[in-house]
Amino acid sequence: MNHGKAKYEAQKKAHESKKKQHVIKFKEIRFRPRIEEHDLMTKINRARKFINEGFKLKVTIMYRGREMVRQDLGLAVLDKVKEMLEDIAIVEKENGLEGRRLSIIMSAK
């Protein structure tokens, strides 16, 4: 068999299998523990838009410096976000604290 033809066939087969593959798209929204109400609402509206477009959403709380001492503030913000998005999204995975970041992954209902 011709080497060039075999290589072409393998390339064609790889291309066909890639066509059927489904790629999951992520968007991330970052919050700080001491975010103000209006800023929170702005980011929540953006998150709603992402979820309605079919993306999975990663919600991240970023701590800086001494904010690590008051991790309860970040958890309160995360609970508020979950509550505001519960009508259109569910929590798929809770990653917990990784270094100075606390994150969860949400997807559409």
C-alpha atoms as a PDB file:
ATOM      1  CA  MET A   1       0.000   0.000   0.000  1.00  0.00           C
ATOM      2  CA  ASN A   2       1.141   3.514  -0.742  1.00  0.00           C
ATOM      3  CA  HIS A   3       2.499   5.276   2.381  1.00  0.00           C
ATOM      4  CA  GLY A   4       1.083   8.655   1.331  1.00  0.00           C
ATOM      5  CA  LYS A   5      -2.372   7.188   0.846  1.00  0.00           C
ATOM      6  CA  ALA A   6      -2.302   5.449   4.243  1.00  0.00           C
ATOM      7  CA  LYS A   7      -1.224   8.675   5.933  1.00  0.00           C
ATOM      8  CA  TYR A   8      -4.026  10.574   4.171  1.00  0.00           C
ATOM      9  CA  GLU A   9      -6.628   7.991   5.251  1.00  0.00           C
ATOM     10  CA  ALA A  10      -5.461   8.173   8.892  1.00  0.00           C
ATOM     11  CA  GLN A  11      -5.653  11.966   8.808  1.00  0.00           C
ATOM     12  CA  LYS A  12      -9.139  11.826   7.319  1.00  0.00           C
ATOM     13  CA  LYS A  13     -10.305   9.345   9.983  1.00  0.00           C
ATOM     14  CA  ALA A  14      -8.907  11.538  12.798  1.00  0.00           C
ATOM     15  CA  HIS A  15     -10.687  14.574  11.355  1.00  0.00           C
ATOM     16  CA  GLU A  16     -14.029  12.715  11.184  1.00  0.00           C
ATOM     17  CA  SER A  17     -13.796  11.549  14.814  1.00  0.00           C
ATOM     18  CA  LYS A  18     -12.993  15.099  15.936  1.00  0.00           C
ATOM     19  CA  LYS A  19     -16.152  16.377  14.253  1.00  0.00           C
ATOM     20  CA  LYS A  20     -18.419  14.363  16.549  1.00  0.00           C
ATOM     21  CA  GLN A  21     -16.629  15.478  19.700  1.00  0.00           C
ATOM     22  CA  HIS A  22     -18.501  17.793  22.078  1.00  0.00           C
ATOM     23  CA  VAL A  23     -16.457  20.474  23.840  1.00  0.00           C
ATOM     24  CA  ILE A  24     -17.747  21.790  27.170  1.00  0.00           C
ATOM     25  CA  LYS A  25     -17.311  25.523  27.443  1.00  0.00           C
ATOM     26  CA  PHE A  26     -16.573  27.233  30.755  1.00  0.00           C
ATOM     27  CA  LYS A  27     -16.901  30.824  31.853  1.00  0.00           C
ATOM     28  CA  GLU A  28     -15.542  32.085  35.144  1.00  0.00           C
ATOM     29  CA  ILE A  29     -16.779  34.913  37.312  1.00  0.00           C
ATOM     30  CA  ARG A  30     -14.583  36.091  40.161  1.00  0.00           C
ATOM     31  CA  PHE A  31     -15.785  37.713  43.350  1.00  0.00           C
ATOM     32  CA  ARG A  32     -14.036  39.210  46.345  1.00  0.00           C
ATOM     33  CA  PRO A  33     -15.325  38.590  49.895  1.00  0.00           C
ATOM     34  CA  ARG A  34     -16.196  42.253  50.506  1.00  0.00           C
ATOM     35  CA  ILE A  35     -18.031  42.948  47.232  1.00  0.00           C
ATOM     36  CA  GLU A  36     -20.721  45.617  47.330  1.00  0.00           C
ATOM     37  CA  GLU A  37     -24.362  44.866  46.518  1.00  0.00           C
ATOM     38  CA  HIS A  38     -24.523  46.695  43.168  1.00  0.00           C
ATOM     39  CA  ASP A  39     -21.297  45.087  41.919  1.00  0.00           C
ATOM     40  CA  LEU A  40     -22.633  41.699  42.989  1.00  0.00           C
ATOM     41  CA  MET A  41     -25.860  42.251  41.051  1.00  0.00           C
ATOM     42  CA  THR A  42     -23.910  43.281  37.936  1.00  0.00           C
ATOM     43  CA  LYS A  43     -21.839  40.099  38.047  1.00  0.00           C
ATOM     44  CA  ILE A  44     -24.920  37.956  38.755  1.00  0.00           C
ATOM     45  CA  ASN A  45     -26.611  39.382  35.652  1.00  0.00           C
ATOM     46  CA  ARG A  46     -23.510  38.504  33.631  1.00  0.00           C
ATOM     47  CA  ALA A  47     -23.556  34.983  35.110  1.00  0.00           C
ATOM     48  CA  ARG A  48     -27.219  34.559  34.127  1.00  0.00           C
ATOM     49  CA  LYS A  49     -26.324  35.516  30.565  1.00  0.00           C
ATOM     50  CA  PHE A  50     -23.514  32.935  30.454  1.00  0.00           C
ATOM     51  CA  ILE A  51     -25.719  30.137  31.812  1.00  0.00           C
ATOM     52  CA  ASN A  52     -28.533  30.972  29.383  1.00  0.00           C
ATOM     53  CA  GLU A  53     -26.031  30.792  26.498  1.00  0.00           C
ATOM     54  CA  GLY A  54     -25.197  27.223  27.513  1.00  0.00           C
ATOM     55  CA  PHE A  55     -21.876  27.676  29.282  1.00  0.00           C
ATOM     56  CA  LYS A  56     -20.901  26.050  32.545  1.00  0.00           C
ATOM     57  CA  LEU A  57     -20.042  28.663  35.140  1.00  0.00           C
ATOM     58  CA  LYS A  58     -17.156  28.625  37.572  1.00  0.00           C
ATOM     59  CA  VAL A  59     -17.776  30.978  40.490  1.00  0.00           C
ATOM     60  CA  THR A  60     -14.558  31.899  42.303  1.00  0.00           C
ATOM     61  CA  ILE A  61     -14.051  33.835  45.522  1.00  0.00           C
ATOM     62  CA  MET A  62     -10.548  35.304  45.669  1.00  0.00           C
ATOM     63  CA  TYR A  63      -8.967  36.110  49.012  1.00  0.00           C
ATOM     64  CA  ARG A  64      -6.106  38.581  49.468  1.00  0.00           C
ATOM     65  CA  GLY A  65      -3.880  39.159  52.451  1.00  0.00           C
ATOM     66  CA  ARG A  66      -5.762  39.118  55.735  1.00  0.00           C
ATOM     67  CA  GLU A  67      -9.060  38.239  54.102  1.00  0.00           C
ATOM     68  CA  MET A  68      -8.065  34.595  54.647  1.00  0.00           C
ATOM     69  CA  VAL A  69      -8.782  35.111  58.351  1.00  0.00           C
ATOM     70  CA  ARG A  70     -12.429  35.936  57.556  1.00  0.00           C
ATOM     71  CA  GLN A  71     -13.293  33.088  55.211  1.00  0.00           C
ATOM     72  CA  ASP A  72     -16.890  33.269  56.435  1.00  0.00           C
ATOM     73  CA  LEU A  73     -17.361  36.479  54.397  1.00  0.00           C
ATOM     74  CA  GLY A  74     -16.433  34.631  51.213  1.00  0.00           C
ATOM     75  CA  LEU A  75     -18.741  31.743  52.073  1.00  0.00           C
ATOM     76  CA  ALA A  76     -21.575  34.227  52.637  1.00  0.00           C
ATOM     77  CA  VAL A  77     -21.003  35.727  49.172  1.00  0.00           C
ATOM     78  CA  LEU A  78     -20.922  32.234  47.648  1.00  0.00           C
ATOM     79  CA  ASP A  79     -24.192  31.305  49.372  1.00  0.00           C
ATOM     80  CA  LYS A  80     -25.775  34.519  48.107  1.00  0.00           C
ATOM     81  CA  VAL A  81     -24.666  33.714  44.542  1.00  0.00           C
ATOM     82  CA  LYS A  82     -26.093  30.178  44.793  1.00  0.00           C
ATOM     83  CA  GLU A  83     -29.383  31.562  46.100  1.00  0.00           C
ATOM     84  CA  MET A  84     -29.654  34.168  43.318  1.00  0.00           C
ATOM     85  CA  LEU A  85     -28.937  31.640  40.556  1.00  0.00           C
ATOM     86  CA  GLU A  86     -30.898  28.678  41.956  1.00  0.00           C
ATOM     87  CA  ASP A  87     -33.831  29.292  39.589  1.00  0.00           C
ATOM     88  CA  ILE A  88     -31.716  28.628  36.458  1.00  0.00           C
ATOM     89  CA  ALA A  89     -28.648  26.715  37.655  1.00  0.00           C
ATOM     90  CA  ILE A  90     -27.560  23.909  39.951  1.00  0.00           C
ATOM     91  CA  VAL A  91     -24.278  23.403  41.737  1.00  0.00           C
ATOM     92  CA  GLU A  92     -22.483  20.650  39.895  1.00  0.00           C
ATOM     93  CA  LYS A  93     -19.274  20.532  41.896  1.00  0.00           C
ATOM     94  CA  GLU A  94     -17.937  22.236  45.010  1.00  0.00           C
ATOM     95  CA  ASN A  95     -14.164  22.425  44.732  1.00  0.00           C
ATOM     96  CA  GLY A  96     -13.604  24.000  48.123  1.00  0.00           C
ATOM     97  CA  LEU A  97     -10.552  26.034  49.031  1.00  0.00           C
ATOM     98  CA  GLU A  98      -7.549  25.765  46.714  1.00  0.00           C
ATOM     99  CA  GLY A  99      -4.823  28.053  47.986  1.00  0.00           C
ATOM    100  CA  ARG A 100      -6.447  31.468  48.221  1.00  0.00           C
ATOM    101  CA  ARG A 101      -9.412  30.644  45.984  1.00  0.00           C
ATOM    102  CA  LEU A 102     -12.761  29.134  46.866  1.00  0.00           C
ATOM    103  CA  SER A 103     -14.754  27.898  43.871  1.00  0.00           C
ATOM    104  CA  ILE A 104     -17.822  26.023  42.707  1.00  0.00           C
ATOM    105  CA  ILE A 105     -19.009  24.923  39.270  1.00  0.00           C
ATOM    106  CA  MET A 106     -22.603  25.546  38.199  1.00  0.00           C
ATOM    107  CA  SER A 107     -24.520  24.360  35.171  1.00  0.00           C
ATOM    108  CA  ALA A 108     -27.977  24.994  33.758  1.00  0.00           C
ATOM    109  CA  LYS A 109     -30.926  23.028  35.123  1.00  0.00           C
END
